[in-house]
Amino acid sequence: MKVGDVDVMTVSEASARYGIARKTLLTQIRRAKLPATLSGHTYLVTSAAMEIYVHERKGRRGAASPDHPQNQRASAGADRPAHG
């Protein structure tokens, strides 16, 4: 949607468009890593802010990444036989 000349979207719309979890985006907004405006009970982010956010974090490992240490520990036990 447009507000004036600026393209804005809700956090849910940004999540769907950019493939980033809604909870992650809300956390980044609260940490002031992603600029947003609160409109009633809904955060709005600009397309420009999302593009910058995605570009700055491109290639960074997150917990959702298969090569994140947290996931390597979980998958390391996957080939072990079950106890019992």
PDB file of N, CA and C in Angstrom:
ATOM      1  N   MET A   1       0.840  -1.168   0.000  1.00  0.00           N
ATOM      2  CA  MET A   1       0.000   0.000   0.000  1.00  0.00           C
ATOM      3  C   MET A   1       0.887   1.232   0.000  1.00  0.00           C
ATOM      4  N   LYS A   2       0.356   2.313  -0.467  1.00  0.00           N
ATOM      5  CA  LYS A   2       1.104   3.571  -0.519  1.00  0.00           C
ATOM      6  C   LYS A   2       0.558   4.521   0.534  1.00  0.00           C
ATOM      7  N   VAL A   3       1.457   5.183   1.218  1.00  0.00           N
ATOM      8  CA  VAL A   3       1.112   6.283   2.111  1.00  0.00           C
ATOM      9  C   VAL A   3       1.857   7.481   1.555  1.00  0.00           C
ATOM     10  N   GLY A   4       1.116   8.364   0.904  1.00  0.00           N
ATOM     11  CA  GLY A   4       1.772   9.438   0.167  1.00  0.00           C
ATOM     12  C   GLY A   4       2.519   8.823  -0.996  1.00  0.00           C
ATOM     13  N   ASP A   5       3.821   9.074  -1.065  1.00  0.00           N
ATOM     14  CA  ASP A   5       4.650   8.507  -2.127  1.00  0.00           C
ATOM     15  C   ASP A   5       5.444   7.290  -1.656  1.00  0.00           C
ATOM     16  N   VAL A   6       5.204   6.861  -0.423  1.00  0.00           N
ATOM     17  CA  VAL A   6       6.010   5.796   0.181  1.00  0.00           C
ATOM     18  C   VAL A   6       5.245   4.472   0.175  1.00  0.00           C
ATOM     19  N   ASP A   7       5.912   3.411  -0.289  1.00  0.00           N
ATOM     20  CA  ASP A   7       5.339   2.074  -0.280  1.00  0.00           C
ATOM     21  C   ASP A   7       5.554   1.463   1.100  1.00  0.00           C
ATOM     22  N   VAL A   8       4.467   1.146   1.804  1.00  0.00           N
ATOM     23  CA  VAL A   8       4.561   0.553   3.141  1.00  0.00           C
ATOM     24  C   VAL A   8       3.803  -0.766   3.176  1.00  0.00           C
ATOM     25  N   MET A   9       4.142  -1.578   4.164  1.00  0.00           N
ATOM     26  CA  MET A   9       3.463  -2.867   4.338  1.00  0.00           C
ATOM     27  C   MET A   9       3.444  -3.205   5.819  1.00  0.00           C
ATOM     28  N   THR A  10       2.538  -4.080   6.195  1.00  0.00           N
ATOM     29  CA  THR A  10       2.509  -4.567   7.570  1.00  0.00           C
ATOM     30  C   THR A  10       3.658  -5.552   7.767  1.00  0.00           C
ATOM     31  N   VAL A  11       3.939  -5.869   9.009  1.00  0.00           N
ATOM     32  CA  VAL A  11       4.989  -6.844   9.306  1.00  0.00           C
ATOM     33  C   VAL A  11       4.615  -8.212   8.724  1.00  0.00           C
ATOM     34  N   SER A  12       3.347  -8.562   8.779  1.00  0.00           N
ATOM     35  CA  SER A  12       2.911  -9.844   8.203  1.00  0.00           C
ATOM     36  C   SER A  12       3.139  -9.875   6.702  1.00  0.00           C
ATOM     37  N   GLU A  13       2.835  -8.769   6.021  1.00  0.00           N
ATOM     38  CA  GLU A  13       3.069  -8.694   4.580  1.00  0.00           C
ATOM     39  C   GLU A  13       4.564  -8.760   4.260  1.00  0.00           C
ATOM     40  N   ALA A  14       5.377  -8.061   5.060  1.00  0.00           N
ATOM     41  CA  ALA A  14       6.831  -8.090   4.855  1.00  0.00           C
ATOM     42  C   ALA A  14       7.369  -9.496   5.076  1.00  0.00           C
ATOM     43  N   SER A  15       6.846 -10.174   6.080  1.00  0.00           N
ATOM     44  CA  SER A  15       7.256 -11.542   6.374  1.00  0.00           C
ATOM     45  C   SER A  15       6.996 -12.450   5.172  1.00  0.00           C
ATOM     46  N   ALA A  16       5.802 -12.344   4.608  1.00  0.00           N
ATOM     47  CA  ALA A  16       5.446 -13.173   3.459  1.00  0.00           C
ATOM     48  C   ALA A  16       6.270 -12.801   2.225  1.00  0.00           C
ATOM     49  N   ARG A  17       6.468 -11.525   1.997  1.00  0.00           N
ATOM     50  CA  ARG A  17       7.177 -11.070   0.793  1.00  0.00           C
ATOM     51  C   ARG A  17       8.655 -11.424   0.828  1.00  0.00           C
ATOM     52  N   TYR A  18       9.286 -11.296   2.003  1.00  0.00           N
ATOM     53  CA  TYR A  18      10.737 -11.482   2.089  1.00  0.00           C
ATOM     54  C   TYR A  18      11.145 -12.826   2.693  1.00  0.00           C
ATOM     55  N   GLY A  19      10.174 -13.621   3.128  1.00  0.00           N
ATOM     56  CA  GLY A  19      10.492 -14.939   3.666  1.00  0.00           C
ATOM     57  C   GLY A  19      11.220 -14.897   4.999  1.00  0.00           C
ATOM     58  N   ILE A  20      10.906 -13.890   5.791  1.00  0.00           N
ATOM     59  CA  ILE A  20      11.508 -13.744   7.119  1.00  0.00           C
ATOM     60  C   ILE A  20      10.380 -13.888   8.138  1.00  0.00           C
ATOM     61  N   ALA A  21      10.626 -14.636   9.188  1.00  0.00           N
ATOM     62  CA  ALA A  21       9.581 -14.879  10.183  1.00  0.00           C
ATOM     63  C   ALA A  21       9.066 -13.569  10.772  1.00  0.00           C
ATOM     64  N   ARG A  22       7.768 -13.499  10.949  1.00  0.00           N
ATOM     65  CA  ARG A  22       7.123 -12.319  11.523  1.00  0.00           C
ATOM     66  C   ARG A  22       7.732 -11.989  12.892  1.00  0.00           C
ATOM     67  N   LYS A  23       7.939 -13.025  13.692  1.00  0.00           N
ATOM     68  CA  LYS A  23       8.511 -12.834  15.031  1.00  0.00           C
ATOM     69  C   LYS A  23       9.910 -12.212  14.950  1.00  0.00           C
ATOM     70  N   THR A  24      10.698 -12.635  13.964  1.00  0.00           N
ATOM     71  CA  THR A  24      12.035 -12.079  13.767  1.00  0.00           C
ATOM     72  C   THR A  24      11.947 -10.592  13.440  1.00  0.00           C
ATOM     73  N   LEU A  25      11.040 -10.237  12.532  1.00  0.00           N
ATOM     74  CA  LEU A  25      10.891  -8.832  12.156  1.00  0.00           C
ATOM     75  C   LEU A  25      10.452  -7.991  13.358  1.00  0.00           C
ATOM     76  N   LEU A  26       9.512  -8.495  14.139  1.00  0.00           N
ATOM     77  CA  LEU A  26       9.066  -7.753  15.327  1.00  0.00           C
ATOM     78  C   LEU A  26      10.207  -7.583  16.333  1.00  0.00           C
ATOM     79  N   THR A  27      11.013  -8.609  16.488  1.00  0.00           N
ATOM     80  CA  THR A  27      12.170  -8.512  17.382  1.00  0.00           C
ATOM     81  C   THR A  27      13.139  -7.450  16.880  1.00  0.00           C
ATOM     82  N   GLN A  28      13.393  -7.430  15.582  1.00  0.00           N
ATOM     83  CA  GLN A  28      14.322  -6.454  15.015  1.00  0.00           C
ATOM     84  C   GLN A  28      13.773  -5.040  15.128  1.00  0.00           C
ATOM     85  N   ILE A  29      12.467  -4.877  15.029  1.00  0.00           N
ATOM     86  CA  ILE A  29      11.845  -3.563  15.234  1.00  0.00           C
ATOM     87  C   ILE A  29      12.049  -3.125  16.674  1.00  0.00           C
ATOM     88  N   ARG A  30      11.791  -4.016  17.606  1.00  0.00           N
ATOM     89  CA  ARG A  30      11.954  -3.670  19.035  1.00  0.00           C
ATOM     90  C   ARG A  30      13.405  -3.362  19.389  1.00  0.00           C
ATOM     91  N   ARG A  31      14.341  -3.989  18.687  1.00  0.00           N
ATOM     92  CA  ARG A  31      15.771  -3.736  18.918  1.00  0.00           C
ATOM     93  C   ARG A  31      16.290  -2.551  18.113  1.00  0.00           C
ATOM     94  N   ALA A  32      15.400  -1.881  17.389  1.00  0.00           N
ATOM     95  CA  ALA A  32      15.732  -0.710  16.557  1.00  0.00           C
ATOM     96  C   ALA A  32      16.687  -1.072  15.422  1.00  0.00           C
ATOM     97  N   LYS A  33      16.638  -2.312  14.949  1.00  0.00           N
ATOM     98  CA  LYS A  33      17.444  -2.742  13.810  1.00  0.00           C
ATOM     99  C   LYS A  33      16.659  -2.584  12.508  1.00  0.00           C
ATOM    100  N   LEU A  34      15.345  -2.461  12.629  1.00  0.00           N
ATOM    101  CA  LEU A  34      14.467  -2.291  11.477  1.00  0.00           C
ATOM    102  C   LEU A  34      13.500  -1.154  11.799  1.00  0.00           C
ATOM    103  N   PRO A  35      13.597  -0.027  11.085  1.00  0.00           N
ATOM    104  CA  PRO A  35      12.703   1.096  11.371  1.00  0.00           C
ATOM    105  C   PRO A  35      11.265   0.772  10.983  1.00  0.00           C
ATOM    106  N   ALA A  36      10.337   1.158  11.839  1.00  0.00           N
ATOM    107  CA  ALA A  36       8.919   0.918  11.584  1.00  0.00           C
ATOM    108  C   ALA A  36       8.103   1.995  12.300  1.00  0.00           C
ATOM    109  N   THR A  37       6.872   2.132  11.875  1.00  0.00           N
ATOM    110  CA  THR A  37       5.944   3.082  12.491  1.00  0.00           C
ATOM    111  C   THR A  37       4.768   2.298  13.027  1.00  0.00           C
ATOM    112  N   LEU A  38       4.372   2.609  14.241  1.00  0.00           N
ATOM    113  CA  LEU A  38       3.215   1.951  14.835  1.00  0.00           C
ATOM    114  C   LEU A  38       1.967   2.725  14.438  1.00  0.00           C
ATOM    115  N   SER A  39       1.055   2.044  13.776  1.00  0.00           N
ATOM    116  CA  SER A  39      -0.211   2.640  13.349  1.00  0.00           C
ATOM    117  C   SER A  39      -1.322   1.862  14.032  1.00  0.00           C
ATOM    118  N   GLY A  40      -1.874   2.413  15.081  1.00  0.00           N
ATOM    119  CA  GLY A  40      -2.840   1.669  15.897  1.00  0.00           C
ATOM    120  C   GLY A  40      -2.114   0.548  16.604  1.00  0.00           C
ATOM    121  N   HIS A  41      -2.473  -0.686  16.275  1.00  0.00           N
ATOM    122  CA  HIS A  41      -1.815  -1.862  16.866  1.00  0.00           C
ATOM    123  C   HIS A  41      -0.927  -2.572  15.852  1.00  0.00           C
ATOM    124  N   THR A  42      -0.660  -1.927  14.720  1.00  0.00           N
ATOM    125  CA  THR A  42       0.063  -2.563  13.629  1.00  0.00           C
ATOM    126  C   THR A  42       1.324  -1.799  13.271  1.00  0.00           C
ATOM    127  N   TYR A  43       2.440  -2.507  13.204  1.00  0.00           N
ATOM    128  CA  TYR A  43       3.678  -1.893  12.728  1.00  0.00           C
ATOM    129  C   TYR A  43       3.663  -1.857  11.205  1.00  0.00           C
ATOM    130  N   LEU A  44       4.102  -0.741  10.660  1.00  0.00           N
ATOM    131  CA  LEU A  44       4.257  -0.588   9.221  1.00  0.00           C
ATOM    132  C   LEU A  44       5.726  -0.355   8.914  1.00  0.00           C
ATOM    133  N   VAL A  45       6.231  -1.048   7.909  1.00  0.00           N
ATOM    134  CA  VAL A  45       7.613  -0.872   7.467  1.00  0.00           C
ATOM    135  C   VAL A  45       7.593  -0.462   6.002  1.00  0.00           C
ATOM    136  N   THR A  46       8.581   0.307   5.607  1.00  0.00           N
ATOM    137  CA  THR A  46       8.651   0.710   4.209  1.00  0.00           C
ATOM    138  C   THR A  46       9.391  -0.364   3.414  1.00  0.00           C
ATOM    139  N   SER A  47       9.102  -0.390   2.127  1.00  0.00           N
ATOM    140  CA  SER A  47       9.819  -1.320   1.249  1.00  0.00           C
ATOM    141  C   SER A  47      11.306  -1.003   1.256  1.00  0.00           C
ATOM    142  N   ALA A  48      11.628   0.291   1.286  1.00  0.00           N
ATOM    143  CA  ALA A  48      13.036   0.703   1.300  1.00  0.00           C
ATOM    144  C   ALA A  48      13.739   0.184   2.553  1.00  0.00           C
ATOM    145  N   ALA A  49      13.083   0.287   3.713  1.00  0.00           N
ATOM    146  CA  ALA A  49      13.678  -0.199   4.960  1.00  0.00           C
ATOM    147  C   ALA A  49      13.888  -1.706   4.907  1.00  0.00           C
ATOM    148  N   MET A  50      12.933  -2.424   4.324  1.00  0.00           N
ATOM    149  CA  MET A  50      13.073  -3.881   4.211  1.00  0.00           C
ATOM    150  C   MET A  50      14.208  -4.247   3.267  1.00  0.00           C
ATOM    151  N   GLU A  51      14.338  -3.539   2.162  1.00  0.00           N
ATOM    152  CA  GLU A  51      15.427  -3.812   1.217  1.00  0.00           C
ATOM    153  C   GLU A  51      16.782  -3.606   1.889  1.00  0.00           C
ATOM    154  N   ILE A  52      16.914  -2.533   2.648  1.00  0.00           N
ATOM    155  CA  ILE A  52      18.163  -2.262   3.364  1.00  0.00           C
ATOM    156  C   ILE A  52      18.417  -3.358   4.406  1.00  0.00           C
ATOM    157  N   TYR A  53      17.388  -3.707   5.166  1.00  0.00           N
ATOM    158  CA  TYR A  53      17.507  -4.742   6.196  1.00  0.00           C
ATOM    159  C   TYR A  53      17.974  -6.066   5.581  1.00  0.00           C
ATOM    160  N   VAL A  54      17.324  -6.465   4.499  1.00  0.00           N
ATOM    161  CA  VAL A  54      17.671  -7.732   3.850  1.00  0.00           C
ATOM    162  C   VAL A  54      19.089  -7.674   3.291  1.00  0.00           C
ATOM    163  N   HIS A  55      19.440  -6.574   2.643  1.00  0.00           N
ATOM    164  CA  HIS A  55      20.775  -6.435   2.047  1.00  0.00           C
ATOM    165  C   HIS A  55      21.872  -6.474   3.111  1.00  0.00           C
ATOM    166  N   GLU A  56      21.660  -5.781   4.227  1.00  0.00           N
ATOM    167  CA  GLU A  56      22.674  -5.734   5.292  1.00  0.00           C
ATOM    168  C   GLU A  56      22.859  -7.080   5.961  1.00  0.00           C
ATOM    169  N   ARG A  57      21.854  -7.906   5.957  1.00  0.00           N
ATOM    170  CA  ARG A  57      21.935  -9.190   6.650  1.00  0.00           C
ATOM    171  C   ARG A  57      22.120 -10.364   5.714  1.00  0.00           C
ATOM    172  N   LYS A  58      22.250 -10.103   4.424  1.00  0.00           N
ATOM    173  CA  LYS A  58      22.420 -11.176   3.442  1.00  0.00           C
ATOM    174  C   LYS A  58      23.676 -11.991   3.767  1.00  0.00           C
ATOM    175  N   GLY A  59      23.513 -13.292   3.820  1.00  0.00           N
ATOM    176  CA  GLY A  59      24.641 -14.174   4.082  1.00  0.00           C
ATOM    177  C   GLY A  59      24.925 -14.407   5.558  1.00  0.00           C
ATOM    178  N   ARG A  60      24.246 -13.682   6.429  1.00  0.00           N
ATOM    179  CA  ARG A  60      24.451 -13.923   7.863  1.00  0.00           C
ATOM    180  C   ARG A  60      23.712 -15.183   8.277  1.00  0.00           C
ATOM    181  N   ARG A  61      24.344 -15.925   9.160  1.00  0.00           N
ATOM    182  CA  ARG A  61      23.704 -17.136   9.657  1.00  0.00           C
ATOM    183  C   ARG A  61      22.737 -16.768  10.762  1.00  0.00           C
ATOM    184  N   GLY A  62      21.559 -17.323  10.689  1.00  0.00           N
ATOM    185  CA  GLY A  62      20.574 -17.176  11.746  1.00  0.00           C
ATOM    186  C   GLY A  62      20.185 -18.545  12.237  1.00  0.00           C
ATOM    187  N   ALA A  63      19.381 -18.595  13.271  1.00  0.00           N
ATOM    188  CA  ALA A  63      18.982 -19.881  13.840  1.00  0.00           C
ATOM    189  C   ALA A  63      18.234 -20.739  12.827  1.00  0.00           C
ATOM    190  N   ALA A  64      17.614 -20.108  11.828  1.00  0.00           N
ATOM    191  CA  ALA A  64      16.880 -20.875  10.826  1.00  0.00           C
ATOM    192  C   ALA A  64      17.801 -21.464   9.758  1.00  0.00           C
ATOM    193  N   SER A  65      19.039 -21.006   9.715  1.00  0.00           N
ATOM    194  CA  SER A  65      19.971 -21.476   8.706  1.00  0.00           C
ATOM    195  C   SER A  65      20.411 -22.904   9.013  1.00  0.00           C
ATOM    196  N   PRO A  66      20.471 -23.776   8.003  1.00  0.00           N
ATOM    197  CA  PRO A  66      20.890 -25.157   8.244  1.00  0.00           C
ATOM    198  C   PRO A  66      22.312 -25.271   8.777  1.00  0.00           C
ATOM    199  N   ASP A  67      23.163 -24.263   8.497  1.00  0.00           N
ATOM    200  CA  ASP A  67      24.537 -24.361   8.979  1.00  0.00           C
ATOM    201  C   ASP A  67      24.754 -23.639  10.312  1.00  0.00           C
ATOM    202  N   HIS A  68      23.684 -23.199  10.952  1.00  0.00           N
ATOM    203  CA  HIS A  68      23.799 -22.585  12.276  1.00  0.00           C
ATOM    204  C   HIS A  68      24.188 -23.668  13.284  1.00  0.00           C
ATOM    205  N   PRO A  69      25.097 -23.360  14.211  1.00  0.00           N
ATOM    206  CA  PRO A  69      25.555 -24.377  15.174  1.00  0.00           C
ATOM    207  C   PRO A  69      24.425 -25.072  15.921  1.00  0.00           C
ATOM    208  N   GLN A  70      23.368 -24.349  16.219  1.00  0.00           N
ATOM    209  CA  GLN A  70      22.233 -24.938  16.929  1.00  0.00           C
ATOM    210  C   GLN A  70      21.628 -26.085  16.119  1.00  0.00           C
ATOM    211  N   ASN A  71      21.557 -25.931  14.819  1.00  0.00           N
ATOM    212  CA  ASN A  71      20.990 -26.968  13.966  1.00  0.00           C
ATOM    213  C   ASN A  71      21.975 -28.091  13.698  1.00  0.00           C
ATOM    214  N   GLN A  72      23.253 -27.814  13.742  1.00  0.00           N
ATOM    215  CA  GLN A  72      24.252 -28.856  13.560  1.00  0.00           C
ATOM    216  C   GLN A  72      24.236 -29.807  14.748  1.00  0.00           C
ATOM    217  N   ARG A  73      24.042 -29.263  15.927  1.00  0.00           N
ATOM    218  CA  ARG A  73      23.951 -30.130  17.115  1.00  0.00           C
ATOM    219  C   ARG A  73      22.728 -31.025  17.009  1.00  0.00           C
ATOM    220  N   ALA A  74      21.616 -30.457  16.582  1.00  0.00           N
ATOM    221  CA  ALA A  74      20.390 -31.242  16.484  1.00  0.00           C
ATOM    222  C   ALA A  74      20.519 -32.322  15.416  1.00  0.00           C
ATOM    223  N   SER A  75      21.119 -31.975  14.280  1.00  0.00           N
ATOM    224  CA  SER A  75      21.229 -32.959  13.210  1.00  0.00           C
ATOM    225  C   SER A  75      22.330 -33.979  13.485  1.00  0.00           C
ATOM    226  N   ALA A  76      23.300 -33.648  14.336  1.00  0.00           N
ATOM    227  CA  ALA A  76      24.382 -34.587  14.650  1.00  0.00           C
ATOM    228  C   ALA A  76      23.841 -35.821  15.348  1.00  0.00           C
ATOM    229  N   GLY A  77      22.795 -35.645  16.130  1.00  0.00           N
ATOM    230  CA  GLY A  77      22.211 -36.773  16.826  1.00  0.00           C
ATOM    231  C   GLY A  77      21.196 -37.537  15.986  1.00  0.00           C
ATOM    232  N   ALA A  78      20.899 -37.022  14.815  1.00  0.00           N
ATOM    233  CA  ALA A  78      19.877 -37.650  13.973  1.00  0.00           C
ATOM    234  C   ALA A  78      20.315 -39.024  13.462  1.00  0.00           C
ATOM    235  N   ASP A  79      21.639 -39.245  13.276  1.00  0.00           N
ATOM    236  CA  ASP A  79      22.064 -40.539  12.757  1.00  0.00           C
ATOM    237  C   ASP A  79      22.325 -41.562  13.866  1.00  0.00           C
ATOM    238  N   ARG A  80      22.208 -41.115  15.086  1.00  0.00           N
ATOM    239  CA  ARG A  80      22.420 -42.050  16.190  1.00  0.00           C
ATOM    240  C   ARG A  80      21.202 -42.933  16.366  1.00  0.00           C
ATOM    241  N   PRO A  81      21.424 -44.202  16.732  1.00  0.00           N
ATOM    242  CA  PRO A  81      20.284 -45.082  16.967  1.00  0.00           C
ATOM    243  C   PRO A  81      19.523 -44.652  18.216  1.00  0.00           C
ATOM    244  N   ALA A  82      18.251 -44.897  18.218  1.00  0.00           N
ATOM    245  CA  ALA A  82      17.411 -44.534  19.371  1.00  0.00           C
ATOM    246  C   ALA A  82      17.753 -45.441  20.540  1.00  0.00           C
ATOM    247  N   HIS A  83      17.668 -44.883  21.724  1.00  0.00           N
ATOM    248  CA  HIS A  83      17.909 -45.691  22.927  1.00  0.00           C
ATOM    249  C   HIS A  83      16.664 -46.522  23.219  1.00  0.00           C
ATOM    250  N   GLY A  84      16.874 -47.681  23.704  1.00  0.00           N
ATOM    251  CA  GLY A  84      15.690 -48.406  24.130  1.00  0.00           C
ATOM    252  C   GLY A  84      15.706 -49.785  23.808  1.00  0.00           C
TER     253      GLY A  84
END
